[in-house]
PDB file of all heavy atoms in Angstrom:
ATOM      1  N   ILE A   1     -64.368  17.098  41.826  1.00  0.00           N
ATOM      2  CA  ILE A   1     -64.730  17.544  43.176  1.00  0.00           C
ATOM      3  C   ILE A   1     -64.706  16.378  44.155  1.00  0.00           C
ATOM      4  O   ILE A   1     -64.143  16.474  45.264  1.00  0.00           O
ATOM      5  CB  ILE A   1     -66.109  18.223  43.165  1.00  0.00           C
ATOM      6  CG1 ILE A   1     -66.050  19.544  42.384  1.00  0.00           C
ATOM      7  CG2 ILE A   1     -66.589  18.482  44.586  1.00  0.00           C
ATOM      8  CD1 ILE A   1     -65.106  20.566  42.980  1.00  0.00           C
ATOM      9  N   ALA A   2     -65.312  15.253  43.772  1.00  0.00           N
ATOM     10  CA  ALA A   2     -65.342  14.092  44.664  1.00  0.00           C
ATOM     11  C   ALA A   2     -63.937  13.575  44.948  1.00  0.00           C
ATOM     12  O   ALA A   2     -63.578  13.282  46.093  1.00  0.00           O
ATOM     13  CB  ALA A   2     -66.202  12.985  44.052  1.00  0.00           C
ATOM     14  N   GLY A   3     -63.116  13.477  43.898  1.00  0.00           N
ATOM     15  CA  GLY A   3     -61.750  13.009  44.100  1.00  0.00           C
ATOM     16  C   GLY A   3     -60.932  13.958  44.953  1.00  0.00           C
ATOM     17  O   GLY A   3     -60.129  13.525  45.789  1.00  0.00           O
ATOM     18  N   LEU A   4     -61.133  15.265  44.751  1.00  0.00           N
ATOM     19  CA  LEU A   4     -60.393  16.245  45.549  1.00  0.00           C
ATOM     20  C   LEU A   4     -60.783  16.169  47.019  1.00  0.00           C
ATOM     21  O   LEU A   4     -59.915  16.239  47.905  1.00  0.00           O
ATOM     22  CB  LEU A   4     -60.649  17.649  45.009  1.00  0.00           C
ATOM     23  CG  LEU A   4     -59.999  18.802  45.779  1.00  0.00           C
ATOM     24  CD1 LEU A   4     -58.482  18.664  45.753  1.00  0.00           C
ATOM     25  CD2 LEU A   4     -60.420  20.146  45.196  1.00  0.00           C
ATOM     26  N   VAL A   5     -62.064  16.005  47.302  1.00  0.00           N
ATOM     27  CA  VAL A   5     -62.522  15.937  48.695  1.00  0.00           C
ATOM     28  C   VAL A   5     -61.943  14.701  49.391  1.00  0.00           C
ATOM     29  O   VAL A   5     -61.409  14.778  50.511  1.00  0.00           O
ATOM     30  CB  VAL A   5     -64.061  15.936  48.749  1.00  0.00           C
ATOM     31  CG1 VAL A   5     -64.550  15.625  50.161  1.00  0.00           C
ATOM     32  CG2 VAL A   5     -64.602  17.283  48.298  1.00  0.00           C
ATOM     33  N   VAL A   6     -62.032  13.552  48.720  1.00  0.00           N
ATOM     34  CA  VAL A   6     -61.521  12.315  49.333  1.00  0.00           C
ATOM     35  C   VAL A   6     -60.006  12.380  49.492  1.00  0.00           C
ATOM     36  O   VAL A   6     -59.453  12.032  50.542  1.00  0.00           O
ATOM     37  CB  VAL A   6     -61.942  11.099  48.484  1.00  0.00           C
ATOM     38  CG1 VAL A   6     -61.330   9.818  49.057  1.00  0.00           C
ATOM     39  CG2 VAL A   6     -63.453  10.985  48.445  1.00  0.00           C
ATOM     40  N   GLY A   7     -59.297  12.831  48.439  1.00  0.00           N
ATOM     41  CA  GLY A   7     -57.843  12.918  48.534  1.00  0.00           C
ATOM     42  C   GLY A   7     -57.383  13.921  49.574  1.00  0.00           C
ATOM     43  O   GLY A   7     -56.437  13.656  50.334  1.00  0.00           O
ATOM     44  N   ALA A   8     -58.043  15.083  49.630  1.00  0.00           N
ATOM     45  CA  ALA A   8     -57.665  16.084  50.623  1.00  0.00           C
ATOM     46  C   ALA A   8     -57.949  15.592  52.043  1.00  0.00           C
ATOM     47  O   ALA A   8     -57.199  15.907  52.982  1.00  0.00           O
ATOM     48  CB  ALA A   8     -58.424  17.384  50.363  1.00  0.00           C
ATOM     49  N   THR A   9     -59.012  14.802  52.214  1.00  0.00           N
ATOM     50  CA  THR A   9     -59.303  14.241  53.542  1.00  0.00           C
ATOM     51  C   THR A   9     -58.183  13.322  54.005  1.00  0.00           C
ATOM     52  O   THR A   9     -57.749  13.386  55.167  1.00  0.00           O
ATOM     53  CB  THR A   9     -60.632  13.472  53.497  1.00  0.00           C
ATOM     54  OG1 THR A   9     -61.684  14.353  53.078  1.00  0.00           O
ATOM     55  CG2 THR A   9     -60.961  12.909  54.873  1.00  0.00           C
ATOM     56  N   ARG A  10     -57.682  12.494  53.098  1.00  0.00           N
ATOM     57  CA  ARG A  10     -56.571  11.615  53.496  1.00  0.00           C
ATOM     58  C   ARG A  10     -55.313  12.428  53.793  1.00  0.00           C
ATOM     59  O   ARG A  10     -54.578  12.114  54.735  1.00  0.00           O
ATOM     60  CB  ARG A  10     -56.294  10.597  52.402  1.00  0.00           C
ATOM     61  CG  ARG A  10     -55.137   9.656  52.761  1.00  0.00           C
ATOM     62  CD  ARG A  10     -54.854   8.654  51.672  1.00  0.00           C
ATOM     63  NE  ARG A  10     -53.625   7.918  51.934  1.00  0.00           N
ATOM     64  CZ  ARG A  10     -53.542   6.772  52.600  1.00  0.00           C
ATOM     65  NH1 ARG A  10     -54.648   6.214  53.078  1.00  0.00           N
ATOM     66  NH2 ARG A  10     -52.385   6.173  52.772  1.00  0.00           N
ATOM     67  N   LEU A  11     -55.051  13.475  53.006  1.00  0.00           N
ATOM     68  CA  LEU A  11     -53.883  14.310  53.270  1.00  0.00           C
ATOM     69  C   LEU A  11     -53.960  14.955  54.651  1.00  0.00           C
ATOM     70  O   LEU A  11     -52.969  15.004  55.388  1.00  0.00           O
ATOM     71  CB  LEU A  11     -53.757  15.384  52.194  1.00  0.00           C
ATOM     72  CG  LEU A  11     -53.091  14.984  50.884  1.00  0.00           C
ATOM     73  CD1 LEU A  11     -53.032  16.180  49.937  1.00  0.00           C
ATOM     74  CD2 LEU A  11     -51.699  14.426  51.114  1.00  0.00           C
ATOM     75  N   VAL A  12     -55.144  15.461  55.005  1.00  0.00           N
ATOM     76  CA  VAL A  12     -55.314  16.074  56.321  1.00  0.00           C
ATOM     77  C   VAL A  12     -55.084  15.044  57.424  1.00  0.00           C
ATOM     78  O   VAL A  12     -54.429  15.329  58.437  1.00  0.00           O
ATOM     79  CB  VAL A  12     -56.711  16.710  56.431  1.00  0.00           C
ATOM     80  CG1 VAL A  12     -56.977  17.180  57.856  1.00  0.00           C
ATOM     81  CG2 VAL A  12     -56.840  17.883  55.462  1.00  0.00           C
ATOM     82  N   LEU A  13     -55.605  13.838  57.236  1.00  0.00           N
ATOM     83  CA  LEU A  13     -55.395  12.789  58.230  1.00  0.00           C
ATOM     84  C   LEU A  13     -53.910  12.429  58.355  1.00  0.00           C
ATOM     85  O   LEU A  13     -53.419  12.141  59.450  1.00  0.00           O
ATOM     86  CB  LEU A  13     -56.206  11.547  57.859  1.00  0.00           C
ATOM     87  CG  LEU A  13     -57.729  11.673  57.983  1.00  0.00           C
ATOM     88  CD1 LEU A  13     -58.410  10.399  57.505  1.00  0.00           C
ATOM     89  CD2 LEU A  13     -58.131  11.991  59.416  1.00  0.00           C
ATOM     90  N   GLU A  14     -53.189  12.443  57.232  1.00  0.00           N
ATOM     91  CA  GLU A  14     -51.759  12.150  57.292  1.00  0.00           C
ATOM     92  C   GLU A  14     -51.008  13.249  58.033  1.00  0.00           C
ATOM     93  O   GLU A  14     -50.047  12.978  58.759  1.00  0.00           O
ATOM     94  CB  GLU A  14     -51.195  11.981  55.882  1.00  0.00           C
ATOM     95  CG  GLU A  14     -51.615  10.683  55.210  1.00  0.00           C
ATOM     96  CD  GLU A  14     -50.949  10.514  53.861  1.00  0.00           C
ATOM     97  OE1 GLU A  14     -50.324  11.482  53.379  1.00  0.00           O
ATOM     98  OE2 GLU A  14     -51.061   9.422  53.285  1.00  0.00           O
ATOM     99  N   PHE A  15     -51.414  14.508  57.849  1.00  0.00           N
ATOM    100  CA  PHE A  15     -50.765  15.597  58.570  1.00  0.00           C
ATOM    101  C   PHE A  15     -51.054  15.519  60.072  1.00  0.00           C
ATOM    102  O   PHE A  15     -50.186  15.810  60.899  1.00  0.00           O
ATOM    103  CB  PHE A  15     -51.223  16.949  58.024  1.00  0.00           C
ATOM    104  CG  PHE A  15     -50.703  17.236  56.647  1.00  0.00           C
ATOM    105  CD1 PHE A  15     -51.465  17.958  55.745  1.00  0.00           C
ATOM    106  CD2 PHE A  15     -49.455  16.789  56.245  1.00  0.00           C
ATOM    107  CE1 PHE A  15     -50.991  18.231  54.475  1.00  0.00           C
ATOM    108  CE2 PHE A  15     -48.972  17.058  54.977  1.00  0.00           C
ATOM    109  CZ  PHE A  15     -49.732  17.775  54.080  1.00  0.00           C
ATOM    110  N   LEU A  16     -52.281  15.136  60.426  1.00  0.00           N
ATOM    111  CA  LEU A  16     -52.646  15.044  61.832  1.00  0.00           C
ATOM    112  C   LEU A  16     -52.100  13.786  62.505  1.00  0.00           C
ATOM    113  O   LEU A  16     -51.911  13.772  63.727  1.00  0.00           O
ATOM    114  CB  LEU A  16     -54.174  15.086  61.969  1.00  0.00           C
ATOM    115  CG  LEU A  16     -54.864  16.372  61.488  1.00  0.00           C
ATOM    116  CD1 LEU A  16     -56.368  16.251  61.648  1.00  0.00           C
ATOM    117  CD2 LEU A  16     -54.346  17.582  62.242  1.00  0.00           C
ATOM    118  N   ASN A  17     -51.858  12.742  61.713  1.00  0.00           N
ATOM    119  CA  ASN A  17     -51.355  11.482  62.258  1.00  0.00           C
ATOM    120  C   ASN A  17     -50.117  11.071  61.473  1.00  0.00           C
ATOM    121  O   ASN A  17     -50.200  10.214  60.581  1.00  0.00           O
ATOM    122  CB  ASN A  17     -52.425  10.385  62.176  1.00  0.00           C
ATOM    123  CG  ASN A  17     -53.699  10.754  62.912  1.00  0.00           C
ATOM    124  OD1 ASN A  17     -53.828  10.552  64.110  1.00  0.00           O
ATOM    125  ND2 ASN A  17     -54.658  11.305  62.179  1.00  0.00           N
ATOM    126  N   PRO A  18     -48.969  11.663  61.742  1.00  0.00           N
ATOM    127  CA  PRO A  18     -47.753  11.323  60.984  1.00  0.00           C
ATOM    128  C   PRO A  18     -47.331   9.883  61.225  1.00  0.00           C
ATOM    129  O   PRO A  18     -47.647   9.279  62.250  1.00  0.00           O
ATOM    130  CB  PRO A  18     -46.718  12.318  61.522  1.00  0.00           C
ATOM    131  CG  PRO A  18     -47.211  12.703  62.874  1.00  0.00           C
ATOM    132  CD  PRO A  18     -48.710  12.675  62.785  1.00  0.00           C
ATOM    133  N   ALA A  19     -46.602   9.351  60.242  1.00  0.00           N
ATOM    134  CA  ALA A  19     -46.117   7.970  60.349  1.00  0.00           C
ATOM    135  C   ALA A  19     -45.109   7.849  61.482  1.00  0.00           C
ATOM    136  O   ALA A  19     -44.324   8.773  61.725  1.00  0.00           O
ATOM    137  CB  ALA A  19     -45.481   7.544  59.033  1.00  0.00           C
ATOM    138  N   PRO A  20     -45.115   6.734  62.189  1.00  0.00           N
ATOM    139  CA  PRO A  20     -44.167   6.559  63.312  1.00  0.00           C
ATOM    140  C   PRO A  20     -42.743   6.365  62.793  1.00  0.00           C
ATOM    141  O   PRO A  20     -42.538   5.959  61.652  1.00  0.00           O
ATOM    142  CB  PRO A  20     -44.685   5.298  64.002  1.00  0.00           C
ATOM    143  CG  PRO A  20     -45.372   4.536  62.915  1.00  0.00           C
ATOM    144  CD  PRO A  20     -45.982   5.561  62.012  1.00  0.00           C
ATOM    145  N   PRO A  21     -41.739   6.663  63.616  1.00  0.00           N
ATOM    146  CA  PRO A  21     -40.346   6.403  63.216  1.00  0.00           C
ATOM    147  C   PRO A  21     -40.105   4.926  62.957  1.00  0.00           C
ATOM    148  O   PRO A  21     -40.900   4.060  63.325  1.00  0.00           O
ATOM    149  CB  PRO A  21     -39.541   6.916  64.420  1.00  0.00           C
ATOM    150  CG  PRO A  21     -40.450   7.866  65.123  1.00  0.00           C
ATOM    151  CD  PRO A  21     -41.841   7.337  64.905  1.00  0.00           C
ATOM    152  N   CYS A  22     -38.988   4.679  62.315  1.00  0.00           N
ATOM    153  CA  CYS A  22     -38.655   3.312  61.927  1.00  0.00           C
ATOM    154  C   CYS A  22     -38.529   2.413  63.153  1.00  0.00           C
ATOM    155  O   CYS A  22     -37.865   2.764  64.126  1.00  0.00           O
ATOM    156  CB  CYS A  22     -37.349   3.311  61.140  1.00  0.00           C
ATOM    157  SG  CYS A  22     -36.869   1.686  60.538  1.00  0.00           S
ATOM    158  N   GLY A  23     -39.193   1.256  63.108  1.00  0.00           N
ATOM    159  CA  GLY A  23     -39.101   0.284  64.182  1.00  0.00           C
ATOM    160  C   GLY A  23     -40.160   0.416  65.247  1.00  0.00           C
ATOM    161  O   GLY A  23     -40.266  -0.465  66.108  1.00  0.00           O
ATOM    162  N   GLU A  24     -40.956   1.487  65.229  1.00  0.00           N
ATOM    163  CA  GLU A  24     -42.001   1.685  66.224  1.00  0.00           C
ATOM    164  C   GLU A  24     -43.347   1.216  65.672  1.00  0.00           C
ATOM    165  O   GLU A  24     -43.579   1.265  64.463  1.00  0.00           O
ATOM    166  CB  GLU A  24     -42.085   3.153  66.638  1.00  0.00           C
ATOM    167  CG  GLU A  24     -40.825   3.659  67.336  1.00  0.00           C
ATOM    168  CD  GLU A  24     -40.996   5.063  67.856  1.00  0.00           C
ATOM    169  OE1 GLU A  24     -42.139   5.583  67.780  1.00  0.00           O
ATOM    170  OE2 GLU A  24     -40.004   5.647  68.342  1.00  0.00           O
ATOM    171  N   PRO A  25     -44.269   0.788  66.530  1.00  0.00           N
ATOM    172  CA  PRO A  25     -45.571   0.308  66.049  1.00  0.00           C
ATOM    173  C   PRO A  25     -46.408   1.437  65.450  1.00  0.00           C
ATOM    174  O   PRO A  25     -46.304   2.589  65.858  1.00  0.00           O
ATOM    175  CB  PRO A  25     -46.219  -0.264  67.321  1.00  0.00           C
ATOM    176  CG  PRO A  25     -45.533   0.447  68.449  1.00  0.00           C
ATOM    177  CD  PRO A  25     -44.117   0.675  67.991  1.00  0.00           C
ATOM    178  N   ASP A  26     -47.232   1.055  64.490  1.00  0.00           N
ATOM    179  CA  ASP A  26     -48.084   2.021  63.797  1.00  0.00           C
ATOM    180  C   ASP A  26     -49.444   2.054  64.479  1.00  0.00           C
ATOM    181  O   ASP A  26     -50.208   1.082  64.437  1.00  0.00           O
ATOM    182  CB  ASP A  26     -48.235   1.618  62.327  1.00  0.00           C
ATOM    183  CG  ASP A  26     -48.859   2.729  61.491  1.00  0.00           C
ATOM    184  OD1 ASP A  26     -49.361   3.716  62.075  1.00  0.00           O
ATOM    185  OD2 ASP A  26     -48.845   2.628  60.254  1.00  0.00           O
ATOM    186  N   THR A  27     -49.760   3.159  65.132  1.00  0.00           N
ATOM    187  CA  THR A  27     -51.029   3.304  65.852  1.00  0.00           C
ATOM    188  C   THR A  27     -51.978   4.268  65.148  1.00  0.00           C
ATOM    189  O   THR A  27     -52.939   4.736  65.753  1.00  0.00           O
ATOM    190  CB  THR A  27     -50.757   3.808  67.282  1.00  0.00           C
ATOM    191  OG1 THR A  27     -50.052   5.071  67.215  1.00  0.00           O
ATOM    192  CG2 THR A  27     -49.921   2.800  68.059  1.00  0.00           C
ATOM    193  N   ARG A  28     -51.731   4.551  63.893  1.00  0.00           N
ATOM    194  CA  ARG A  28     -52.596   5.467  63.159  1.00  0.00           C
ATOM    195  C   ARG A  28     -53.925   4.801  62.823  1.00  0.00           C
ATOM    196  O   ARG A  28     -54.071   3.581  62.955  1.00  0.00           O
ATOM    197  CB  ARG A  28     -51.899   5.916  61.873  1.00  0.00           C
ATOM    198  CG  ARG A  28     -50.636   6.724  62.097  1.00  0.00           C
ATOM    199  CD  ARG A  28     -50.000   7.072  60.766  1.00  0.00           C
ATOM    200  NE  ARG A  28     -49.610   5.869  60.033  1.00  0.00           N
ATOM    201  CZ  ARG A  28     -49.234   5.876  58.769  1.00  0.00           C
ATOM    202  NH1 ARG A  28     -49.220   7.021  58.093  1.00  0.00           N
ATOM    203  NH2 ARG A  28     -48.884   4.747  58.168  1.00  0.00           N
ATOM    204  N   PRO A  29     -54.934   5.592  62.355  1.00  0.00           N
ATOM    205  CA  PRO A  29     -56.203   4.986  61.926  1.00  0.00           C
ATOM    206  C   PRO A  29     -55.992   3.967  60.811  1.00  0.00           C
ATOM    207  O   PRO A  29     -54.984   3.992  60.096  1.00  0.00           O
ATOM    208  CB  PRO A  29     -57.020   6.190  61.441  1.00  0.00           C
ATOM    209  CG  PRO A  29     -56.451   7.353  62.181  1.00  0.00           C
ATOM    210  CD  PRO A  29     -54.990   7.058  62.341  1.00  0.00           C
ATOM    211  N   ALA A  30     -56.968   3.078  60.665  1.00  0.00           N
ATOM    212  CA  ALA A  30     -56.829   1.979  59.708  1.00  0.00           C
ATOM    213  C   ALA A  30     -56.697   2.471  58.276  1.00  0.00           C
ATOM    214  O   ALA A  30     -55.999   1.862  57.463  1.00  0.00           O
ATOM    215  CB  ALA A  30     -58.035   1.038  59.823  1.00  0.00           C
ATOM    216  N   ILE A  31     -57.338   3.590  57.944  1.00  0.00           N
ATOM    217  CA  ILE A  31     -57.267   4.094  56.577  1.00  0.00           C
ATOM    218  C   ILE A  31     -55.860   4.546  56.211  1.00  0.00           C
ATOM    219  O   ILE A  31     -55.486   4.590  55.030  1.00  0.00           O
ATOM    220  CB  ILE A  31     -58.266   5.261  56.381  1.00  0.00           C
ATOM    221  CG1 ILE A  31     -58.387   5.614  54.900  1.00  0.00           C
ATOM    222  CG2 ILE A  31     -57.838   6.468  57.193  1.00  0.00           C
ATOM    223  CD1 ILE A  31     -59.427   6.662  54.613  1.00  0.00           C
ATOM    224  N   LEU A  32     -55.042   4.845  57.219  1.00  0.00           N
ATOM    225  CA  LEU A  32     -53.658   5.239  56.975  1.00  0.00           C
ATOM    226  C   LEU A  32     -52.694   4.074  57.161  1.00  0.00           C
ATOM    227  O   LEU A  32     -51.770   3.897  56.362  1.00  0.00           O
ATOM    228  CB  LEU A  32     -53.260   6.392  57.904  1.00  0.00           C
ATOM    229  CG  LEU A  32     -54.059   7.688  57.766  1.00  0.00           C
ATOM    230  CD1 LEU A  32     -53.564   8.700  58.786  1.00  0.00           C
ATOM    231  CD2 LEU A  32     -53.965   8.248  56.362  1.00  0.00           C
ATOM    232  N   GLY A  33     -52.879   3.316  58.226  1.00  0.00           N
ATOM    233  CA  GLY A  33     -51.946   2.237  58.510  1.00  0.00           C
ATOM    234  C   GLY A  33     -52.155   0.994  57.671  1.00  0.00           C
ATOM    235  O   GLY A  33     -51.200   0.281  57.363  1.00  0.00           O
ATOM    236  N   SER A  34     -53.396   0.711  57.289  1.00  0.00           N
ATOM    237  CA  SER A  34     -53.692  -0.524  56.555  1.00  0.00           C
ATOM    238  C   SER A  34     -53.730  -0.329  55.047  1.00  0.00           C
ATOM    239  O   SER A  34     -53.570  -1.303  54.302  1.00  0.00           O
ATOM    240  CB  SER A  34     -55.032  -1.106  57.027  1.00  0.00           C
ATOM    241  OG  SER A  34     -55.015  -1.352  58.422  1.00  0.00           O
ATOM    242  N   ILE A  35     -53.986   0.877  54.577  1.00  0.00           N
ATOM    243  CA  ILE A  35     -54.096   1.140  53.138  1.00  0.00           C
ATOM    244  C   ILE A  35     -52.881   1.947  52.696  1.00  0.00           C
ATOM    245  O   ILE A  35     -52.716   3.104  53.105  1.00  0.00           O
ATOM    246  CB  ILE A  35     -55.394   1.897  52.810  1.00  0.00           C
ATOM    247  CG1 ILE A  35     -56.610   1.111  53.308  1.00  0.00           C
ATOM    248  CG2 ILE A  35     -55.503   2.144  51.311  1.00  0.00           C
ATOM    249  CD1 ILE A  35     -57.923   1.820  53.072  1.00  0.00           C
ATOM    250  N   HIS A  36     -52.032   1.339  51.888  1.00  0.00           N
ATOM    251  CA  HIS A  36     -50.855   2.026  51.371  1.00  0.00           C
ATOM    252  C   HIS A  36     -51.280   3.161  50.447  1.00  0.00           C
ATOM    253  O   HIS A  36     -52.333   3.098  49.803  1.00  0.00           O
ATOM    254  CB  HIS A  36     -49.970   1.028  50.625  1.00  0.00           C
ATOM    255  CG  HIS A  36     -48.587   1.532  50.374  1.00  0.00           C
ATOM    256  ND1 HIS A  36     -48.242   2.200  49.229  1.00  0.00           N
ATOM    257  CD2 HIS A  36     -47.468   1.479  51.136  1.00  0.00           C
ATOM    258  CE1 HIS A  36     -46.960   2.530  49.268  1.00  0.00           C
ATOM    259  NE2 HIS A  36     -46.464   2.104  50.421  1.00  0.00           N
ATOM    260  N   TYR A  37     -50.456   4.201  50.372  1.00  0.00           N
ATOM    261  CA  TYR A  37     -50.856   5.346  49.564  1.00  0.00           C
ATOM    262  C   TYR A  37     -50.948   5.003  48.071  1.00  0.00           C
ATOM    263  O   TYR A  37     -51.739   5.618  47.339  1.00  0.00           O
ATOM    264  CB  TYR A  37     -49.901   6.523  49.778  1.00  0.00           C
ATOM    265  CG  TYR A  37     -48.452   6.268  49.455  1.00  0.00           C
ATOM    266  CD1 TYR A  37     -47.960   6.423  48.168  1.00  0.00           C
ATOM    267  CD2 TYR A  37     -47.570   5.887  50.456  1.00  0.00           C
ATOM    268  CE1 TYR A  37     -46.633   6.196  47.888  1.00  0.00           C
ATOM    269  CE2 TYR A  37     -46.232   5.666  50.179  1.00  0.00           C
ATOM    270  CZ  TYR A  37     -45.770   5.819  48.891  1.00  0.00           C
ATOM    271  OH  TYR A  37     -44.447   5.597  48.607  1.00  0.00           O
ATOM    272  N   LEU A  38     -50.177   4.028  47.595  1.00  0.00           N
ATOM    273  CA  LEU A  38     -50.304   3.609  46.201  1.00  0.00           C
ATOM    274  C   LEU A  38     -51.613   2.860  45.965  1.00  0.00           C
ATOM    275  O   LEU A  38     -52.275   3.052  44.945  1.00  0.00           O
ATOM    276  CB  LEU A  38     -49.114   2.731  45.816  1.00  0.00           C
ATOM    277  CG  LEU A  38     -47.748   3.428  45.779  1.00  0.00           C
ATOM    278  CD1 LEU A  38     -46.659   2.443  45.393  1.00  0.00           C
ATOM    279  CD2 LEU A  38     -47.757   4.603  44.819  1.00  0.00           C
ATOM    280  N   HIS A  39     -52.001   2.017  46.906  1.00  0.00           N
ATOM    281  CA  HIS A  39     -53.301   1.343  46.802  1.00  0.00           C
ATOM    282  C   HIS A  39     -54.443   2.346  46.929  1.00  0.00           C
ATOM    283  O   HIS A  39     -55.480   2.210  46.262  1.00  0.00           O
ATOM    284  CB  HIS A  39     -53.412   0.270  47.873  1.00  0.00           C
ATOM    285  CG  HIS A  39     -52.368  -0.800  47.746  1.00  0.00           C
ATOM    286  ND1 HIS A  39     -51.973  -1.592  48.804  1.00  0.00           N
ATOM    287  CD2 HIS A  39     -51.611  -1.185  46.688  1.00  0.00           C
ATOM    288  CE1 HIS A  39     -51.037  -2.432  48.408  1.00  0.00           C
ATOM    289  NE2 HIS A  39     -50.793  -2.208  47.130  1.00  0.00           N
ATOM    290  N   PHE A  40     -54.269   3.343  47.782  1.00  0.00           N
ATOM    291  CA  PHE A  40     -55.288   4.385  47.897  1.00  0.00           C
ATOM    292  C   PHE A  40     -55.440   5.147  46.587  1.00  0.00           C
ATOM    293  O   PHE A  40     -56.554   5.544  46.215  1.00  0.00           O
ATOM    294  CB  PHE A  40     -54.920   5.341  49.027  1.00  0.00           C
ATOM    295  CG  PHE A  40     -55.831   6.520  49.141  1.00  0.00           C
ATOM    296  CD1 PHE A  40     -57.076   6.409  49.743  1.00  0.00           C
ATOM    297  CD2 PHE A  40     -55.451   7.763  48.632  1.00  0.00           C
ATOM    298  CE1 PHE A  40     -57.925   7.500  49.840  1.00  0.00           C
ATOM    299  CE2 PHE A  40     -56.286   8.856  48.721  1.00  0.00           C
ATOM    300  CZ  PHE A  40     -57.533   8.724  49.327  1.00  0.00           C
TER     301      PHE A  40
END
């Protein structure tokens, strides 16, 4: 349950804040822009 809640929260944030196109600056929240999905 805990893992599902945390993982689903990140998925929702990724859907609401998609990654920028190639070459553009990343203005997403720190949990998305600073933490790679493999490290997460």
